[in-house]
Amino acid sequence: MSFSGLAYVLFTVLLTIISGGIIAYYYNPKRKEKIEEPKHRMLDDEE
């Protein structure tokens, strides 16, 4: 495998790890309330 092929494979693996980390961070159950808050705030009646 040439250097450019190895670089593409390593870059792809790096992007996959970063994407997985972002998804795991976003869908963490501890963050659910913070993520859902704007949706509920938008649906509340204004006084």
N, C-alpha and C. Protein backbone atom coordinates (compact mmCIF):
# COMPACT_ATOMS: atom_id res chain seq x y z
N MET A 1 0.86 -1.17 0.00
CA MET A 1 0.00 0.00 0.00
C MET A 1 0.90 1.23 0.00
N SER A 2 0.59 2.17 -0.84
CA SER A 2 1.39 3.40 -0.93
C SER A 2 1.05 4.34 0.23
N PHE A 3 1.87 5.36 0.34
CA PHE A 3 1.65 6.33 1.42
C PHE A 3 0.31 7.04 1.26
N SER A 4 -0.05 7.40 0.03
CA SER A 4 -1.32 8.11 -0.17
C SER A 4 -2.51 7.21 0.18
N GLY A 5 -2.44 5.93 -0.15
CA GLY A 5 -3.51 5.00 0.22
C GLY A 5 -3.63 4.86 1.72
N LEU A 6 -2.50 4.76 2.40
CA LEU A 6 -2.49 4.65 3.86
C LEU A 6 -3.03 5.93 4.49
N ALA A 7 -2.68 7.08 3.91
CA ALA A 7 -3.17 8.35 4.44
C ALA A 7 -4.69 8.44 4.31
N TYR A 8 -5.24 7.99 3.18
CA TYR A 8 -6.70 7.99 3.00
C TYR A 8 -7.38 7.08 4.01
N VAL A 9 -6.81 5.91 4.25
CA VAL A 9 -7.40 4.98 5.22
C VAL A 9 -7.37 5.58 6.62
N LEU A 10 -6.23 6.15 7.01
CA LEU A 10 -6.12 6.75 8.35
C LEU A 10 -7.05 7.94 8.50
N PHE A 11 -7.19 8.75 7.45
CA PHE A 11 -8.10 9.90 7.49
C PHE A 11 -9.54 9.44 7.63
N THR A 12 -9.91 8.38 6.91
CA THR A 12 -11.26 7.84 7.00
C THR A 12 -11.55 7.30 8.39
N VAL A 13 -10.59 6.59 8.96
CA VAL A 13 -10.75 6.06 10.32
C VAL A 13 -10.87 7.21 11.32
N LEU A 14 -10.06 8.24 11.15
CA LEU A 14 -10.11 9.40 12.05
C LEU A 14 -11.47 10.09 11.97
N LEU A 15 -11.98 10.31 10.76
CA LEU A 15 -13.29 10.93 10.62
C LEU A 15 -14.40 10.06 11.21
N THR A 16 -14.29 8.75 11.07
CA THR A 16 -15.28 7.85 11.64
C THR A 16 -15.28 7.94 13.16
N ILE A 17 -14.09 7.99 13.76
CA ILE A 17 -13.99 8.09 15.21
C ILE A 17 -14.56 9.43 15.70
N ILE A 18 -14.23 10.51 15.00
CA ILE A 18 -14.74 11.82 15.39
C ILE A 18 -16.26 11.87 15.25
N SER A 19 -16.79 11.35 14.16
CA SER A 19 -18.24 11.34 13.96
C SER A 19 -18.93 10.50 15.04
N GLY A 20 -18.37 9.36 15.36
CA GLY A 20 -18.93 8.52 16.42
C GLY A 20 -18.91 9.21 17.76
N GLY A 21 -17.84 9.95 18.04
CA GLY A 21 -17.75 10.70 19.29
C GLY A 21 -18.79 11.79 19.38
N ILE A 22 -19.01 12.50 18.28
CA ILE A 22 -20.02 13.55 18.26
C ILE A 22 -21.41 12.95 18.47
N ILE A 23 -21.70 11.86 17.81
CA ILE A 23 -23.00 11.21 17.96
C ILE A 23 -23.20 10.71 19.39
N ALA A 24 -22.17 10.08 19.96
CA ALA A 24 -22.26 9.59 21.34
C ALA A 24 -22.45 10.74 22.31
N TYR A 25 -21.77 11.86 22.08
CA TYR A 25 -21.92 13.03 22.95
C TYR A 25 -23.32 13.61 22.86
N TYR A 26 -23.83 13.73 21.65
CA TYR A 26 -25.14 14.35 21.45
C TYR A 26 -26.26 13.49 22.00
N TYR A 27 -26.20 12.20 21.81
CA TYR A 27 -27.28 11.30 22.24
C TYR A 27 -27.07 10.74 23.64
N ASN A 28 -26.17 11.30 24.40
CA ASN A 28 -25.94 10.89 25.78
C ASN A 28 -27.20 11.18 26.59
N PRO A 29 -27.71 10.20 27.35
CA PRO A 29 -28.95 10.42 28.12
C PRO A 29 -28.84 11.58 29.12
N LYS A 30 -27.65 11.90 29.58
CA LYS A 30 -27.48 13.00 30.53
C LYS A 30 -27.79 14.35 29.89
N ARG A 31 -27.66 14.46 28.57
CA ARG A 31 -27.88 15.71 27.87
C ARG A 31 -29.30 15.84 27.32
N LYS A 32 -30.13 14.83 27.48
CA LYS A 32 -31.45 14.83 26.87
C LYS A 32 -32.28 16.04 27.27
N GLU A 33 -32.30 16.36 28.54
CA GLU A 33 -33.12 17.48 29.02
C GLU A 33 -32.65 18.80 28.41
N LYS A 34 -31.35 18.99 28.31
CA LYS A 34 -30.82 20.23 27.73
C LYS A 34 -31.14 20.31 26.23
N ILE A 35 -31.12 19.19 25.56
CA ILE A 35 -31.40 19.17 24.12
C ILE A 35 -32.89 19.40 23.87
N GLU A 36 -33.75 18.84 24.70
CA GLU A 36 -35.19 18.94 24.51
C GLU A 36 -35.78 20.27 25.00
N GLU A 37 -35.04 21.01 25.79
CA GLU A 37 -35.56 22.25 26.39
C GLU A 37 -36.06 23.26 25.35
N PRO A 38 -35.32 23.57 24.28
CA PRO A 38 -35.84 24.55 23.31
C PRO A 38 -37.15 24.11 22.66
N LYS A 39 -37.32 22.82 22.43
CA LYS A 39 -38.55 22.33 21.82
C LYS A 39 -39.74 22.58 22.74
N HIS A 40 -39.58 22.28 24.01
CA HIS A 40 -40.67 22.48 24.96
C HIS A 40 -40.93 23.96 25.20
N ARG A 41 -39.88 24.76 25.18
CA ARG A 41 -40.04 26.20 25.37
C ARG A 41 -40.82 26.81 24.21
N MET A 42 -40.59 26.31 23.00
CA MET A 42 -41.28 26.82 21.83
C MET A 42 -42.76 26.45 21.88
N LEU A 43 -43.10 25.29 22.46
CA LEU A 43 -44.47 24.84 22.50
C LEU A 43 -45.28 25.42 23.66
N ASP A 44 -44.59 25.99 24.66
CA ASP A 44 -45.29 26.57 25.79
C ASP A 44 -46.07 27.81 25.34
N ASP A 45 -47.22 28.02 25.99
CA ASP A 45 -47.99 29.23 25.71
C ASP A 45 -47.31 30.42 26.36
N GLU A 46 -47.29 31.51 25.63
CA GLU A 46 -46.70 32.72 26.20
C GLU A 46 -47.75 33.45 27.02
N GLU A 47 -47.33 34.01 28.11
CA GLU A 47 -48.25 34.72 28.99
C GLU A 47 -48.15 36.20 28.80
